[in-house]
Amino acid sequence: MLDTREVCTFADYFVICSGETQRQIGAICDEVLMVLKKEGIRLRRREGAAGSGWMLMDFGDVIIHIFAPTEREYYQLEKLWSNATPLIRIQ
């Protein structure tokens, strides 16, 4: 999770995570949507698909990226946003 408030104008936080399979990527997306919907947090936009190896969920101040390992390595968002403040890193 990156705090992007000092380096980004369109979001306060990026959550970047990986799923090993298409099914896992889809399940992560579904669970995030279900939990946040219960909290009354509305999805603004969704991009990508589990089969593409990348999904994005835009909740306004928080953007969640879910990658397959190959796509995560290719896009290297942590490196691209290296000026953002890391808040949590779980491996």
C-alpha atoms as a PDB file:
ATOM      1  CA  MET A   1       0.000   0.000   0.000  1.00  0.00           C
ATOM      2  CA  LEU A   2       1.420   3.344  -1.060  1.00  0.00           C
ATOM      3  CA  ASP A   3       0.503   6.766   0.272  1.00  0.00           C
ATOM      4  CA  THR A   4       0.418   8.805  -2.947  1.00  0.00           C
ATOM      5  CA  ARG A   5      -0.965  12.060  -1.524  1.00  0.00           C
ATOM      6  CA  GLU A   6       2.316  13.948  -1.992  1.00  0.00           C
ATOM      7  CA  VAL A   7       3.011  12.708  -5.534  1.00  0.00           C
ATOM      8  CA  CYS A   8      -0.380  12.140  -7.172  1.00  0.00           C
ATOM      9  CA  THR A   9      -3.389  14.365  -7.828  1.00  0.00           C
ATOM     10  CA  PHE A  10      -5.982  11.691  -8.611  1.00  0.00           C
ATOM     11  CA  ALA A  11      -5.683   9.281  -5.651  1.00  0.00           C
ATOM     12  CA  ASP A  12      -4.469   9.248  -2.056  1.00  0.00           C
ATOM     13  CA  TYR A  13      -3.533   5.581  -1.879  1.00  0.00           C
ATOM     14  CA  PHE A  14      -2.581   2.735  -4.195  1.00  0.00           C
ATOM     15  CA  VAL A  15      -3.060  -0.843  -3.090  1.00  0.00           C
ATOM     16  CA  ILE A  16      -0.962  -3.168  -5.242  1.00  0.00           C
ATOM     17  CA  CYS A  17      -1.350  -6.921  -4.928  1.00  0.00           C
ATOM     18  CA  SER A  18      -0.880 -10.140  -6.855  1.00  0.00           C
ATOM     19  CA  GLY A  19      -2.850 -13.270  -7.575  1.00  0.00           C
ATOM     20  CA  GLU A  20      -1.176 -16.394  -8.895  1.00  0.00           C
ATOM     21  CA  THR A  21      -4.023 -17.459 -11.208  1.00  0.00           C
ATOM     22  CA  GLN A  22      -6.937 -15.908 -13.097  1.00  0.00           C
ATOM     23  CA  ARG A  23      -9.293 -17.440 -10.559  1.00  0.00           C
ATOM     24  CA  GLN A  24      -7.337 -15.946  -7.656  1.00  0.00           C
ATOM     25  CA  ILE A  25      -7.229 -12.497  -9.284  1.00  0.00           C
ATOM     26  CA  GLY A  26     -10.996 -12.637  -9.800  1.00  0.00           C
ATOM     27  CA  ALA A  27     -11.578 -13.840  -6.232  1.00  0.00           C
ATOM     28  CA  ILE A  28      -9.483 -10.994  -4.792  1.00  0.00           C
ATOM     29  CA  CYS A  29     -11.488  -8.488  -6.829  1.00  0.00           C
ATOM     30  CA  ASP A  30     -14.825 -10.023  -5.807  1.00  0.00           C
ATOM     31  CA  GLU A  31     -13.897 -10.056  -2.116  1.00  0.00           C
ATOM     32  CA  VAL A  32     -12.706  -6.434  -2.124  1.00  0.00           C
ATOM     33  CA  LEU A  33     -15.920  -5.364  -3.850  1.00  0.00           C
ATOM     34  CA  MET A  34     -18.092  -7.312  -1.392  1.00  0.00           C
ATOM     35  CA  VAL A  35     -16.338  -6.011   1.737  1.00  0.00           C
ATOM     36  CA  LEU A  36     -16.264  -2.389   0.613  1.00  0.00           C
ATOM     37  CA  LYS A  37     -19.887  -2.499  -0.569  1.00  0.00           C
ATOM     38  CA  LYS A  38     -20.892  -3.619   2.955  1.00  0.00           C
ATOM     39  CA  GLU A  39     -19.046  -0.553   4.261  1.00  0.00           C
ATOM     40  CA  GLY A  40     -20.979   1.684   1.862  1.00  0.00           C
ATOM     41  CA  ILE A  41     -17.958   2.433  -0.313  1.00  0.00           C
ATOM     42  CA  ARG A  42     -18.922   2.644  -3.969  1.00  0.00           C
ATOM     43  CA  LEU A  43     -16.812   1.486  -6.891  1.00  0.00           C
ATOM     44  CA  ARG A  44     -16.317   4.310  -9.370  1.00  0.00           C
ATOM     45  CA  ARG A  45     -14.634   2.425 -12.176  1.00  0.00           C
ATOM     46  CA  ARG A  46     -13.228  -0.984 -12.957  1.00  0.00           C
ATOM     47  CA  GLU A  47     -10.706  -1.788 -15.679  1.00  0.00           C
ATOM     48  CA  GLY A  48      -9.078  -4.958 -16.945  1.00  0.00           C
ATOM     49  CA  ALA A  49     -10.056  -8.570 -16.424  1.00  0.00           C
ATOM     50  CA  ALA A  50      -8.653 -11.517 -14.520  1.00  0.00           C
ATOM     51  CA  GLY A  51      -7.707 -13.149 -17.822  1.00  0.00           C
ATOM     52  CA  SER A  52      -5.590 -10.152 -18.832  1.00  0.00           C
ATOM     53  CA  GLY A  53      -3.416 -10.466 -15.727  1.00  0.00           C
ATOM     54  CA  TRP A  54      -4.377  -7.039 -14.419  1.00  0.00           C
ATOM     55  CA  MET A  55      -7.440  -5.513 -12.804  1.00  0.00           C
ATOM     56  CA  LEU A  56      -7.936  -2.028 -11.448  1.00  0.00           C
ATOM     57  CA  MET A  57     -10.651  -0.875  -9.076  1.00  0.00           C
ATOM     58  CA  ASP A  58     -11.062   2.857  -8.569  1.00  0.00           C
ATOM     59  CA  PHE A  59     -12.755   3.866  -5.338  1.00  0.00           C
ATOM     60  CA  GLY A  60     -11.853   7.556  -5.670  1.00  0.00           C
ATOM     61  CA  ASP A  61      -9.181   8.201  -3.080  1.00  0.00           C
ATOM     62  CA  VAL A  62      -8.041   4.565  -3.199  1.00  0.00           C
ATOM     63  CA  ILE A  63      -7.053   2.683  -6.349  1.00  0.00           C
ATOM     64  CA  ILE A  64      -6.519  -1.057  -6.128  1.00  0.00           C
ATOM     65  CA  HIS A  65      -4.337  -2.854  -8.676  1.00  0.00           C
ATOM     66  CA  ILE A  66      -4.440  -6.649  -8.833  1.00  0.00           C
ATOM     67  CA  PHE A  67      -1.758  -8.240 -10.999  1.00  0.00           C
ATOM     68  CA  ALA A  68      -0.618 -11.635 -12.156  1.00  0.00           C
ATOM     69  CA  PRO A  69       3.100 -12.011 -11.297  1.00  0.00           C
ATOM     70  CA  THR A  70       4.287 -11.446 -14.891  1.00  0.00           C
ATOM     71  CA  GLU A  71       2.272  -8.244 -15.307  1.00  0.00           C
ATOM     72  CA  ARG A  72       3.298  -6.956 -11.887  1.00  0.00           C
ATOM     73  CA  GLU A  73       6.955  -7.421 -12.809  1.00  0.00           C
ATOM     74  CA  TYR A  74       6.404  -5.766 -16.198  1.00  0.00           C
ATOM     75  CA  TYR A  75       4.581  -2.658 -14.930  1.00  0.00           C
ATOM     76  CA  GLN A  76       6.620  -2.235 -11.731  1.00  0.00           C
ATOM     77  CA  LEU A  77       4.214   0.255 -10.146  1.00  0.00           C
ATOM     78  CA  GLU A  78       6.210   0.329  -6.923  1.00  0.00           C
ATOM     79  CA  LYS A  79       9.205   1.557  -8.937  1.00  0.00           C
ATOM     80  CA  LEU A  80       7.123   3.962 -11.044  1.00  0.00           C
ATOM     81  CA  TRP A  81       5.658   5.496  -7.868  1.00  0.00           C
ATOM     82  CA  SER A  82       8.866   5.195  -5.836  1.00  0.00           C
ATOM     83  CA  ASN A  83       8.421   8.735  -4.478  1.00  0.00           C
ATOM     84  CA  ALA A  84       5.213   7.638  -2.745  1.00  0.00           C
ATOM     85  CA  THR A  85       5.428   6.597   0.892  1.00  0.00           C
ATOM     86  CA  PRO A  86       5.104   2.833   1.447  1.00  0.00           C
ATOM     87  CA  LEU A  87       2.660   2.161   4.290  1.00  0.00           C
ATOM     88  CA  ILE A  88       2.367  -1.626   4.327  1.00  0.00           C
ATOM     89  CA  ARG A  89       4.243  -4.357   2.497  1.00  0.00           C
ATOM     90  CA  ILE A  90       3.179  -7.968   2.946  1.00  0.00           C
ATOM     91  CA  GLN A  91       4.939 -10.811   1.153  1.00  0.00           C
END
